[in-house]
Amino acid sequence: MVKRWGPAGLALGLALLAAGCGSGPSLTGTWIMAENQSRTMTVRDDGSVSANIDVPCTGATTDQGDREYRLELDCGITKISADGVLSADGKTLTVKDPSTGQEAVWNRK
């Protein structure tokens, strides 16, 4: 079942992301949620994601172009879909739940 964002989902929104393609900053690396620094996510070169929020999650990202990404996560008890935008300097990722408009900011570690 696909669930709308809850606190864990938004936090995870976290997680958005994947390796960026082309020129410009890449999503690859470790990210820490600005609002709750115990929540982290790691994006690998192949676009796979692992996140540690209220529950462990795994998933993948898709590069949508222009520093925009789509994140699909499976957290066992719920599945999450989110949209993310990487800042021009590559240091901040803003993840948004498209169904509620809630946002979470993630900082590069």
PDB file of N, CA and C in Angstrom:
ATOM      1  N   MET A   1       0.842  -1.170   0.000  1.00  0.00           N
ATOM      2  CA  MET A   1       0.000   0.000   0.000  1.00  0.00           C
ATOM      3  C   MET A   1       0.886   1.231   0.000  1.00  0.00           C
ATOM      4  N   VAL A   2       0.481   2.230  -0.751  1.00  0.00           N
ATOM      5  CA  VAL A   2       1.228   3.477  -0.790  1.00  0.00           C
ATOM      6  C   VAL A   2       0.599   4.414   0.225  1.00  0.00           C
ATOM      7  N   LYS A   3       1.414   4.945   1.094  1.00  0.00           N
ATOM      8  CA  LYS A   3       0.912   5.792   2.170  1.00  0.00           C
ATOM      9  C   LYS A   3       1.352   7.224   1.935  1.00  0.00           C
ATOM     10  N   ARG A   4       0.520   8.154   2.340  1.00  0.00           N
ATOM     11  CA  ARG A   4       0.896   9.558   2.280  1.00  0.00           C
ATOM     12  C   ARG A   4       1.933   9.802   3.368  1.00  0.00           C
ATOM     13  N   TRP A   5       2.575  10.933   3.282  1.00  0.00           N
ATOM     14  CA  TRP A   5       3.640  11.246   4.236  1.00  0.00           C
ATOM     15  C   TRP A   5       3.108  11.325   5.645  1.00  0.00           C
ATOM     16  N   GLY A   6       3.799  10.656   6.528  1.00  0.00           N
ATOM     17  CA  GLY A   6       3.620  10.865   7.950  1.00  0.00           C
ATOM     18  C   GLY A   6       4.922  11.474   8.394  1.00  0.00           C
ATOM     19  N   PRO A   7       5.139  11.612   9.680  1.00  0.00           N
ATOM     20  CA  PRO A   7       6.405  12.160  10.126  1.00  0.00           C
ATOM     21  C   PRO A   7       7.586  11.355   9.603  1.00  0.00           C
ATOM     22  N   ALA A   8       7.454  10.052   9.603  1.00  0.00           N
ATOM     23  CA  ALA A   8       8.564   9.225   9.128  1.00  0.00           C
ATOM     24  C   ALA A   8       8.738   9.397   7.637  1.00  0.00           C
ATOM     25  N   GLY A   9       7.656   9.441   6.932  1.00  0.00           N
ATOM     26  CA  GLY A   9       7.721   9.579   5.487  1.00  0.00           C
ATOM     27  C   GLY A   9       8.372  10.872   5.076  1.00  0.00           C
ATOM     28  N   LEU A  10       7.929  11.953   5.673  1.00  0.00           N
ATOM     29  CA  LEU A  10       8.496  13.239   5.306  1.00  0.00           C
ATOM     30  C   LEU A  10       9.955  13.271   5.683  1.00  0.00           C
ATOM     31  N   ALA A  11      10.257  12.759   6.841  1.00  0.00           N
ATOM     32  CA  ALA A  11      11.633  12.739   7.265  1.00  0.00           C
ATOM     33  C   ALA A  11      12.419  11.990   6.238  1.00  0.00           C
ATOM     34  N   LEU A  12      11.840  10.924   5.833  1.00  0.00           N
ATOM     35  CA  LEU A  12      12.501  10.123   4.868  1.00  0.00           C
ATOM     36  C   LEU A  12      12.631  10.849   3.593  1.00  0.00           C
ATOM     37  N   GLY A  13      11.622  11.537   3.333  1.00  0.00           N
ATOM     38  CA  GLY A  13      11.678  12.271   2.133  1.00  0.00           C
ATOM     39  C   GLY A  13      13.054  12.618   2.058  1.00  0.00           C
ATOM     40  N   LEU A  14      13.332  12.346   2.937  1.00  0.00           N
ATOM     41  CA  LEU A  14      14.670  12.336   2.996  1.00  0.00           C
ATOM     42  C   LEU A  14      15.474  12.052   2.156  1.00  0.00           C
ATOM     43  N   ALA A  15      14.978  11.500   2.137  1.00  0.00           N
ATOM     44  CA  ALA A  15      15.864  10.824   1.523  1.00  0.00           C
ATOM     45  C   ALA A  15      15.975  11.033   0.197  1.00  0.00           C
ATOM     46  N   LEU A  16      15.667  11.825  -0.489  1.00  0.00           N
ATOM     47  CA  LEU A  16      15.595  11.756  -1.892  1.00  0.00           C
ATOM     48  C   LEU A  16      16.910  11.729  -2.523  1.00  0.00           C
ATOM     49  N   LEU A  17      17.367  10.705  -2.808  1.00  0.00           N
ATOM     50  CA  LEU A  17      18.053  10.866  -3.932  1.00  0.00           C
ATOM     51  C   LEU A  17      19.126  10.069  -4.453  1.00  0.00           C
ATOM     52  N   ALA A  18      19.354  10.398  -5.672  1.00  0.00           N
ATOM     53  CA  ALA A  18      20.182   9.535  -6.434  1.00  0.00           C
ATOM     54  C   ALA A  18      21.342  10.242  -7.005  1.00  0.00           C
ATOM     55  N   ALA A  19      22.117   9.484  -7.654  1.00  0.00           N
ATOM     56  CA  ALA A  19      23.277  10.085  -8.267  1.00  0.00           C
ATOM     57  C   ALA A  19      22.817  10.992  -9.372  1.00  0.00           C
ATOM     58  N   GLY A  20      23.362  12.167  -9.402  1.00  0.00           N
ATOM     59  CA  GLY A  20      23.000  13.097 -10.460  1.00  0.00           C
ATOM     60  C   GLY A  20      23.738  12.736 -11.729  1.00  0.00           C
ATOM     61  N   CYS A  21      23.125  13.061 -12.831  1.00  0.00           N
ATOM     62  CA  CYS A  21      23.748  12.765 -14.118  1.00  0.00           C
ATOM     63  C   CYS A  21      24.164  14.062 -14.775  1.00  0.00           C
ATOM     64  N   GLY A  22      25.129  13.985 -15.652  1.00  0.00           N
ATOM     65  CA  GLY A  22      25.554  15.164 -16.385  1.00  0.00           C
ATOM     66  C   GLY A  22      26.369  16.080 -15.505  1.00  0.00           C
ATOM     67  N   SER A  23      26.441  17.350 -15.930  1.00  0.00           N
ATOM     68  CA  SER A  23      27.212  18.306 -15.151  1.00  0.00           C
ATOM     69  C   SER A  23      26.374  18.813 -13.993  1.00  0.00           C
ATOM     70  N   GLY A  24      27.032  19.434 -13.044  1.00  0.00           N
ATOM     71  CA  GLY A  24      26.322  19.936 -11.883  1.00  0.00           C
ATOM     72  C   GLY A  24      26.498  19.003 -10.708  1.00  0.00           C
ATOM     73  N   PRO A  25      25.925  19.390  -9.574  1.00  0.00           N
ATOM     74  CA  PRO A  25      26.099  18.599  -8.357  1.00  0.00           C
ATOM     75  C   PRO A  25      25.408  17.247  -8.443  1.00  0.00           C
ATOM     76  N   SER A  26      25.944  16.297  -7.707  1.00  0.00           N
ATOM     77  CA  SER A  26      25.414  14.934  -7.657  1.00  0.00           C
ATOM     78  C   SER A  26      24.704  14.713  -6.327  1.00  0.00           C
ATOM     79  N   LEU A  27      23.731  13.829  -6.331  1.00  0.00           N
ATOM     80  CA  LEU A  27      23.012  13.471  -5.114  1.00  0.00           C
ATOM     81  C   LEU A  27      23.755  12.413  -4.303  1.00  0.00           C
ATOM     82  N   THR A  28      24.725  11.779  -4.919  1.00  0.00           N
ATOM     83  CA  THR A  28      25.465  10.706  -4.268  1.00  0.00           C
ATOM     84  C   THR A  28      26.112  11.201  -2.976  1.00  0.00           C
ATOM     85  N   GLY A  29      25.942  10.425  -1.903  1.00  0.00           N
ATOM     86  CA  GLY A  29      26.553  10.774  -0.631  1.00  0.00           C
ATOM     87  C   GLY A  29      25.606  10.546   0.525  1.00  0.00           C
ATOM     88  N   THR A  30      25.992  11.061   1.683  1.00  0.00           N
ATOM     89  CA  THR A  30      25.192  10.917   2.895  1.00  0.00           C
ATOM     90  C   THR A  30      24.527  12.246   3.218  1.00  0.00           C
ATOM     91  N   TRP A  31      23.251  12.158   3.602  1.00  0.00           N
ATOM     92  CA  TRP A  31      22.429  13.330   3.891  1.00  0.00           C
ATOM     93  C   TRP A  31      21.871  13.222   5.307  1.00  0.00           C
ATOM     94  N   ILE A  32      21.750  14.365   5.969  1.00  0.00           N
ATOM     95  CA  ILE A  32      21.218  14.436   7.330  1.00  0.00           C
ATOM     96  C   ILE A  32      20.031  15.395   7.318  1.00  0.00           C
ATOM     97  N   MET A  33      18.924  14.970   7.894  1.00  0.00           N
ATOM     98  CA  MET A  33      17.738  15.827   7.943  1.00  0.00           C
ATOM     99  C   MET A  33      17.999  17.014   8.861  1.00  0.00           C
ATOM    100  N   ALA A  34      17.741  18.220   8.375  1.00  0.00           N
ATOM    101  CA  ALA A  34      18.015  19.429   9.148  1.00  0.00           C
ATOM    102  C   ALA A  34      17.200  19.483  10.434  1.00  0.00           C
ATOM    103  N   GLU A  35      15.946  19.072  10.374  1.00  0.00           N
ATOM    104  CA  GLU A  35      15.047  19.179  11.518  1.00  0.00           C
ATOM    105  C   GLU A  35      15.283  18.093  12.571  1.00  0.00           C
ATOM    106  N   ASN A  36      15.795  16.950  12.157  1.00  0.00           N
ATOM    107  CA  ASN A  36      16.020  15.832  13.076  1.00  0.00           C
ATOM    108  C   ASN A  36      17.290  15.107  12.630  1.00  0.00           C
ATOM    109  N   GLN A  37      18.420  15.469  13.219  1.00  0.00           N
ATOM    110  CA  GLN A  37      19.707  14.978  12.742  1.00  0.00           C
ATOM    111  C   GLN A  37      19.959  13.504  13.006  1.00  0.00           C
ATOM    112  N   SER A  38      19.046  12.823  13.683  1.00  0.00           N
ATOM    113  CA  SER A  38      19.201  11.377  13.837  1.00  0.00           C
ATOM    114  C   SER A  38      18.704  10.648  12.587  1.00  0.00           C
ATOM    115  N   ARG A  39      18.073  11.368  11.683  1.00  0.00           N
ATOM    116  CA  ARG A  39      17.568  10.773  10.442  1.00  0.00           C
ATOM    117  C   ARG A  39      18.575  11.020   9.324  1.00  0.00           C
ATOM    118  N   THR A  40      19.000   9.929   8.724  1.00  0.00           N
ATOM    119  CA  THR A  40      20.009  10.023   7.669  1.00  0.00           C
ATOM    120  C   THR A  40      19.593   9.197   6.462  1.00  0.00           C
ATOM    121  N   MET A  41      20.207   9.524   5.330  1.00  0.00           N
ATOM    122  CA  MET A  41      20.020   8.694   4.146  1.00  0.00           C
ATOM    123  C   MET A  41      21.307   8.714   3.343  1.00  0.00           C
ATOM    124  N   THR A  42      21.525   7.607   2.642  1.00  0.00           N
ATOM    125  CA  THR A  42      22.701   7.483   1.792  1.00  0.00           C
ATOM    126  C   THR A  42      22.239   7.168   0.381  1.00  0.00           C
ATOM    127  N   VAL A  43      22.747   7.950  -0.572  1.00  0.00           N
ATOM    128  CA  VAL A  43      22.438   7.744  -1.986  1.00  0.00           C
ATOM    129  C   VAL A  43      23.711   7.247  -2.662  1.00  0.00           C
ATOM    130  N   ARG A  44      23.597   6.123  -3.351  1.00  0.00           N
ATOM    131  CA  ARG A  44      24.753   5.524  -4.019  1.00  0.00           C
ATOM    132  C   ARG A  44      24.819   5.933  -5.490  1.00  0.00           C
ATOM    133  N   ASP A  45      25.972   5.677  -6.112  1.00  0.00           N
ATOM    134  CA  ASP A  45      26.181   6.023  -7.522  1.00  0.00           C
ATOM    135  C   ASP A  45      25.132   5.427  -8.447  1.00  0.00           C
ATOM    136  N   ASP A  46      24.618   4.250  -8.098  1.00  0.00           N
ATOM    137  CA  ASP A  46      23.632   3.586  -8.966  1.00  0.00           C
ATOM    138  C   ASP A  46      22.206   4.082  -8.729  1.00  0.00           C
ATOM    139  N   GLY A  47      22.026   5.070  -7.832  1.00  0.00           N
ATOM    140  CA  GLY A  47      20.704   5.621  -7.555  1.00  0.00           C
ATOM    141  C   GLY A  47      19.968   4.926  -6.432  1.00  0.00           C
ATOM    142  N   SER A  48      20.539   3.856  -5.885  1.00  0.00           N
ATOM    143  CA  SER A  48      19.877   3.183  -4.767  1.00  0.00           C
ATOM    144  C   SER A  48      20.025   4.029  -3.502  1.00  0.00           C
ATOM    145  N   VAL A  49      19.045   3.882  -2.610  1.00  0.00           N
ATOM    146  CA  VAL A  49      18.998   4.693  -1.393  1.00  0.00           C
ATOM    147  C   VAL A  49      18.754   3.791  -0.189  1.00  0.00           C
ATOM    148  N   SER A  50      19.418   4.100   0.913  1.00  0.00           N
ATOM    149  CA  SER A  50      19.069   3.495   2.196  1.00  0.00           C
ATOM    150  C   SER A  50      18.899   4.652   3.168  1.00  0.00           C
ATOM    151  N   ALA A  51      17.873   4.549   3.999  1.00  0.00           N
ATOM    152  CA  ALA A  51      17.580   5.638   4.926  1.00  0.00           C
ATOM    153  C   ALA A  51      17.326   5.081   6.312  1.00  0.00           C
ATOM    154  N   ASN A  52      17.691   5.863   7.303  1.00  0.00           N
ATOM    155  CA  ASN A  52      17.428   5.517   8.692  1.00  0.00           C
ATOM    156  C   ASN A  52      16.583   6.638   9.273  1.00  0.00           C
ATOM    157  N   ILE A  53      15.268   6.388   9.343  1.00  0.00           N
ATOM    158  CA  ILE A  53      14.376   7.369   9.960  1.00  0.00           C
ATOM    159  C   ILE A  53      13.747   6.654  11.144  1.00  0.00           C
ATOM    160  N   ASP A  54      12.470   6.723  11.293  1.00  0.00           N
ATOM    161  CA  ASP A  54      11.843   5.981  12.392  1.00  0.00           C
ATOM    162  C   ASP A  54      11.899   4.482  12.138  1.00  0.00           C
ATOM    163  N   VAL A  55      12.007   4.101  10.881  1.00  0.00           N
ATOM    164  CA  VAL A  55      12.159   2.706  10.454  1.00  0.00           C
ATOM    165  C   VAL A  55      13.181   2.681   9.323  1.00  0.00           C
ATOM    166  N   PRO A  56      13.851   1.553   9.111  1.00  0.00           N
ATOM    167  CA  PRO A  56      14.801   1.477   7.995  1.00  0.00           C
ATOM    168  C   PRO A  56      14.049   1.401   6.666  1.00  0.00           C
ATOM    169  N   CYS A  57      14.585   2.082   5.651  1.00  0.00           N
ATOM    170  CA  CYS A  57      13.965   2.108   4.328  1.00  0.00           C
ATOM    171  C   CYS A  57      15.029   1.887   3.260  1.00  0.00           C
ATOM    172  N   THR A  58      14.601   1.308   2.157  1.00  0.00           N
ATOM    173  CA  THR A  58      15.463   1.167   0.986  1.00  0.00           C
ATOM    174  C   THR A  58      14.660   1.602  -0.225  1.00  0.00           C
ATOM    175  N   GLY A  59      15.366   1.966  -1.277  1.00  0.00           N
ATOM    176  CA  GLY A  59      14.645   2.386  -2.470  1.00  0.00           C
ATOM    177  C   GLY A  59      15.580   2.872  -3.545  1.00  0.00           C
ATOM    178  N   ALA A  60      15.027   3.715  -4.411  1.00  0.00           N
ATOM    179  CA  ALA A  60      15.781   4.204  -5.559  1.00  0.00           C
ATOM    180  C   ALA A  60      15.331   5.615  -5.911  1.00  0.00           C
ATOM    181  N   THR A  61      16.197   6.308  -6.625  1.00  0.00           N
ATOM    182  CA  THR A  61      15.881   7.643  -7.106  1.00  0.00           C
ATOM    183  C   THR A  61      15.937   7.661  -8.622  1.00  0.00           C
ATOM    184  N   THR A  62      15.225   8.610  -9.177  1.00  0.00           N
ATOM    185  CA  THR A  62      15.238   8.820 -10.619  1.00  0.00           C
ATOM    186  C   THR A  62      15.545  10.285 -10.872  1.00  0.00           C
ATOM    187  N   ASP A  63      16.533  10.553 -11.715  1.00  0.00           N
ATOM    188  CA  ASP A  63      16.888  11.918 -12.077  1.00  0.00           C
ATOM    189  C   ASP A  63      15.844  12.439 -13.056  1.00  0.00           C
ATOM    190  N   GLN A  64      15.158  13.519 -12.688  1.00  0.00           N
ATOM    191  CA  GLN A  64      14.129  14.118 -13.537  1.00  0.00           C
ATOM    192  C   GLN A  64      14.677  15.288 -14.355  1.00  0.00           C
ATOM    193  N   GLY A  65      15.970  15.589 -14.190  1.00  0.00           N
ATOM    194  CA  GLY A  65      16.584  16.711 -14.899  1.00  0.00           C
ATOM    195  C   GLY A  65      16.476  18.001 -14.104  1.00  0.00           C
ATOM    196  N   ASP A  66      17.346  18.956 -14.402  1.00  0.00           N
ATOM    197  CA  ASP A  66      17.349  20.271 -13.766  1.00  0.00           C
ATOM    198  C   ASP A  66      17.397  20.171 -12.241  1.00  0.00           C
ATOM    199  N   ARG A  67      18.233  19.256 -11.717  1.00  0.00           N
ATOM    200  CA  ARG A  67      18.440  19.051 -10.283  1.00  0.00           C
ATOM    201  C   ARG A  67      17.184  18.581  -9.559  1.00  0.00           C
ATOM    202  N   GLU A  68      16.235  18.001 -10.289  1.00  0.00           N
ATOM    203  CA  GLU A  68      15.010  17.472  -9.683  1.00  0.00           C
ATOM    204  C   GLU A  68      15.051  15.950  -9.709  1.00  0.00           C
ATOM    205  N   TYR A  69      14.552  15.340  -8.621  1.00  0.00           N
ATOM    206  CA  TYR A  69      14.607  13.888  -8.465  1.00  0.00           C
ATOM    207  C   TYR A  69      13.272  13.348  -7.971  1.00  0.00           C
ATOM    208  N   ARG A  70      13.045  12.093  -8.278  1.00  0.00           N
ATOM    209  CA  ARG A  70      11.884  11.360  -7.758  1.00  0.00           C
ATOM    210  C   ARG A  70      12.440  10.260  -6.872  1.00  0.00           C
ATOM    211  N   LEU A  71      11.875  10.111  -5.675  1.00  0.00           N
ATOM    212  CA  LEU A  71      12.331   9.109  -4.721  1.00  0.00           C
ATOM    213  C   LEU A  71      11.195   8.136  -4.431  1.00  0.00           C
ATOM    214  N   GLU A  72      11.525   6.855  -4.513  1.00  0.00           N
ATOM    215  CA  GLU A  72      10.572   5.792  -4.178  1.00  0.00           C
ATOM    216  C   GLU A  72      11.230   4.955  -3.089  1.00  0.00           C
ATOM    217  N   LEU A  73      10.578   4.871  -1.926  1.00  0.00           N
ATOM    218  CA  LEU A  73      11.145   4.148  -0.791  1.00  0.00           C
ATOM    219  C   LEU A  73      10.180   3.094  -0.265  1.00  0.00           C
ATOM    220  N   ASP A  74      10.759   1.981   0.163  1.00  0.00           N
ATOM    221  CA  ASP A  74       9.998   0.912   0.802  1.00  0.00           C
ATOM    222  C   ASP A  74      10.483   0.819   2.243  1.00  0.00           C
ATOM    223  N   CYS A  75       9.587   1.130   3.169  1.00  0.00           N
ATOM    224  CA  CYS A  75       9.934   1.125   4.589  1.00  0.00           C
ATOM    225  C   CYS A  75       9.289  -0.046   5.320  1.00  0.00           C
ATOM    226  N   GLY A  76       8.962  -1.096   4.588  1.00  0.00           N
ATOM    227  CA  GLY A  76       8.362  -2.272   5.204  1.00  0.00           C
ATOM    228  C   GLY A  76       6.887  -2.084   5.485  1.00  0.00           C
ATOM    229  N   ILE A  77       6.576  -1.216   6.439  1.00  0.00           N
ATOM    230  CA  ILE A  77       5.178  -0.986   6.800  1.00  0.00           C
ATOM    231  C   ILE A  77       4.495   0.026   5.888  1.00  0.00           C
ATOM    232  N   THR A  78       5.269   0.736   5.104  1.00  0.00           N
ATOM    233  CA  THR A  78       4.708   1.736   4.199  1.00  0.00           C
ATOM    234  C   THR A  78       5.646   1.966   3.026  1.00  0.00           C
ATOM    235  N   LYS A  79       5.098   2.487   1.943  1.00  0.00           N
ATOM    236  CA  LYS A  79       5.896   2.888   0.786  1.00  0.00           C
ATOM    237  C   LYS A  79       5.712   4.385   0.599  1.00  0.00           C
ATOM    238  N   ILE A  80       6.796   5.043   0.204  1.00  0.00           N
ATOM    239  CA  ILE A  80       6.790   6.497   0.102  1.00  0.00           C
ATOM    240  C   ILE A  80       7.280   6.931  -1.271  1.00  0.00           C
ATOM    241  N   SER A  81       6.583   7.916  -1.840  1.00  0.00           N
ATOM    242  CA  SER A  81       7.011   8.556  -3.082  1.00  0.00           C
ATOM    243  C   SER A  81       7.168  10.038  -2.784  1.00  0.00           C
ATOM    244  N   ALA A  82       8.257  10.639  -3.229  1.00  0.00           N
ATOM    245  CA  ALA A  82       8.502  12.051  -2.950  1.00  0.00           C
ATOM    246  C   ALA A  82       9.278  12.681  -4.093  1.00  0.00           C
ATOM    247  N   ASP A  83       9.217  14.007  -4.141  1.00  0.00           N
ATOM    248  CA  ASP A  83       9.958  14.781  -5.129  1.00  0.00           C
ATOM    249  C   ASP A  83      11.026  15.582  -4.400  1.00  0.00           C
ATOM    250  N   GLY A  84      12.193  15.721  -5.006  1.00  0.00           N
ATOM    251  CA  GLY A  84      13.272  16.465  -4.377  1.00  0.00           C
ATOM    252  C   GLY A  84      13.954  17.406  -5.346  1.00  0.00           C
ATOM    253  N   VAL A  85      14.459  18.508  -4.808  1.00  0.00           N
ATOM    254  CA  VAL A  85      15.215  19.477  -5.597  1.00  0.00           C
ATOM    255  C   VAL A  85      16.545  19.704  -4.896  1.00  0.00           C
ATOM    256  N   LEU A  86      17.628  19.504  -5.638  1.00  0.00           N
ATOM    257  CA  LEU A  86      18.980  19.705  -5.128  1.00  0.00           C
ATOM    258  C   LEU A  86      19.388  21.149  -5.382  1.00  0.00           C
ATOM    259  N   SER A  87      19.929  21.806  -4.360  1.00  0.00           N
ATOM    260  CA  SER A  87      20.370  23.193  -4.517  1.00  0.00           C
ATOM    261  C   SER A  87      21.483  23.280  -5.557  1.00  0.00           C
ATOM    262  N   ALA A  88      21.662  24.458  -6.130  1.00  0.00           N
ATOM    263  CA  ALA A  88      22.675  24.662  -7.169  1.00  0.00           C
ATOM    264  C   ALA A  88      24.077  24.336  -6.673  1.00  0.00           C
ATOM    265  N   ASP A  89      24.342  24.568  -5.378  1.00  0.00           N
ATOM    266  CA  ASP A  89      25.674  24.271  -4.841  1.00  0.00           C
ATOM    267  C   ASP A  89      25.804  22.815  -4.376  1.00  0.00           C
ATOM    268  N   GLY A  90      24.705  22.037  -4.444  1.00  0.00           N
ATOM    269  CA  GLY A  90      24.749  20.622  -4.090  1.00  0.00           C
ATOM    270  C   GLY A  90      24.805  20.325  -2.605  1.00  0.00           C
ATOM    271  N   LYS A  91      24.567  21.323  -1.753  1.00  0.00           N
ATOM    272  CA  LYS A  91      24.687  21.125  -0.308  1.00  0.00           C
ATOM    273  C   LYS A  91      23.358  20.878   0.399  1.00  0.00           C
ATOM    274  N   THR A  92      22.243  21.175  -0.270  1.00  0.00           N
ATOM    275  CA  THR A  92      20.930  21.059   0.356  1.00  0.00           C
ATOM    276  C   THR A  92      19.960  20.353  -0.582  1.00  0.00           C
ATOM    277  N   LEU A  93      19.175  19.448  -0.030  1.00  0.00           N
ATOM    278  CA  LEU A  93      18.145  18.749  -0.782  1.00  0.00           C
ATOM    279  C   LEU A  93      16.805  19.040  -0.104  1.00  0.00           C
ATOM    280  N   THR A  94      15.875  19.592  -0.862  1.00  0.00           N
ATOM    281  CA  THR A  94      14.537  19.856  -0.337  1.00  0.00           C
ATOM    282  C   THR A  94      13.604  18.808  -0.908  1.00  0.00           C
ATOM    283  N   VAL A  95      12.984  18.026  -0.021  1.00  0.00           N
ATOM    284  CA  VAL A  95      12.113  16.921  -0.412  1.00  0.00           C
ATOM    285  C   VAL A  95      10.673  17.306  -0.096  1.00  0.00           C
ATOM    286  N   LYS A  96       9.786  17.046  -1.056  1.00  0.00           N
ATOM    287  CA  LYS A  96       8.389  17.453  -0.907  1.00  0.00           C
ATOM    288  C   LYS A  96       7.448  16.288  -1.173  1.00  0.00           C
ATOM    289  N   ASP A  97       6.462  16.145  -0.298  1.00  0.00           N
ATOM    290  CA  ASP A  97       5.393  15.171  -0.495  1.00  0.00           C
ATOM    291  C   ASP A  97       4.398  15.800  -1.460  1.00  0.00           C
ATOM    292  N   PRO A  98       4.260  15.259  -2.668  1.00  0.00           N
ATOM    293  CA  PRO A  98       3.371  15.879  -3.651  1.00  0.00           C
ATOM    294  C   PRO A  98       1.897  15.862  -3.247  1.00  0.00           C
ATOM    295  N   SER A  99       1.501  14.969  -2.363  1.00  0.00           N
ATOM    296  CA  SER A  99       0.089  14.895  -1.981  1.00  0.00           C
ATOM    297  C   SER A  99      -0.293  15.899  -0.895  1.00  0.00           C
ATOM    298  N   THR A 100       0.682  16.326  -0.088  1.00  0.00           N
ATOM    299  CA  THR A 100       0.372  17.250   1.014  1.00  0.00           C
ATOM    300  C   THR A 100       1.104  18.582   0.909  1.00  0.00           C
ATOM    301  N   GLY A 101       2.173  18.625   0.135  1.00  0.00           N
ATOM    302  CA  GLY A 101       2.965  19.845   0.041  1.00  0.00           C
ATOM    303  C   GLY A 101       3.959  20.016   1.178  1.00  0.00           C
ATOM    304  N   GLN A 102       4.005  19.081   2.129  1.00  0.00           N
ATOM    305  CA  GLN A 102       4.966  19.167   3.236  1.00  0.00           C
ATOM    306  C   GLN A 102       6.384  19.034   2.691  1.00  0.00           C
ATOM    307  N   GLU A 103       7.312  19.800   3.276  1.00  0.00           N
ATOM    308  CA  GLU A 103       8.706  19.762   2.841  1.00  0.00           C
ATOM    309  C   GLU A 103       9.627  19.389   3.992  1.00  0.00           C
ATOM    310  N   ALA A 104      10.729  18.748   3.634  1.00  0.00           N
ATOM    311  CA  ALA A 104      11.798  18.436   4.582  1.00  0.00           C
ATOM    312  C   ALA A 104      13.117  18.813   3.916  1.00  0.00           C
ATOM    313  N   VAL A 105      13.988  19.448   4.663  1.00  0.00           N
ATOM    314  CA  VAL A 105      15.293  19.862   4.144  1.00  0.00           C
ATOM    315  C   VAL A 105      16.350  18.901   4.662  1.00  0.00           C
ATOM    316  N   TRP A 106      17.217  18.458   3.765  1.00  0.00           N
ATOM    317  CA  TRP A 106      18.325  17.562   4.084  1.00  0.00           C
ATOM    318  C   TRP A 106      19.620  18.270   3.717  1.00  0.00           C
ATOM    319  N   ASN A 107      20.630  18.131   4.592  1.00  0.00           N
ATOM    320  CA  ASN A 107      21.940  18.737   4.356  1.00  0.00           C
ATOM    321  C   ASN A 107      22.974  17.659   4.078  1.00  0.00           C
ATOM    322  N   ARG A 108      23.861  17.956   3.139  1.00  0.00           N
ATOM    323  CA  ARG A 108      24.934  17.019   2.820  1.00  0.00           C
ATOM    324  C   ARG A 108      25.875  16.911   4.008  1.00  0.00           C
ATOM    325  N   LYS A 109      26.259  15.674   4.337  1.00  0.00           N
ATOM    326  CA  LYS A 109      27.185  15.440   5.450  1.00  0.00           C
ATOM    327  C   LYS A 109      28.597  15.714   4.996  1.00  0.00           C
TER     328      LYS A 109
END
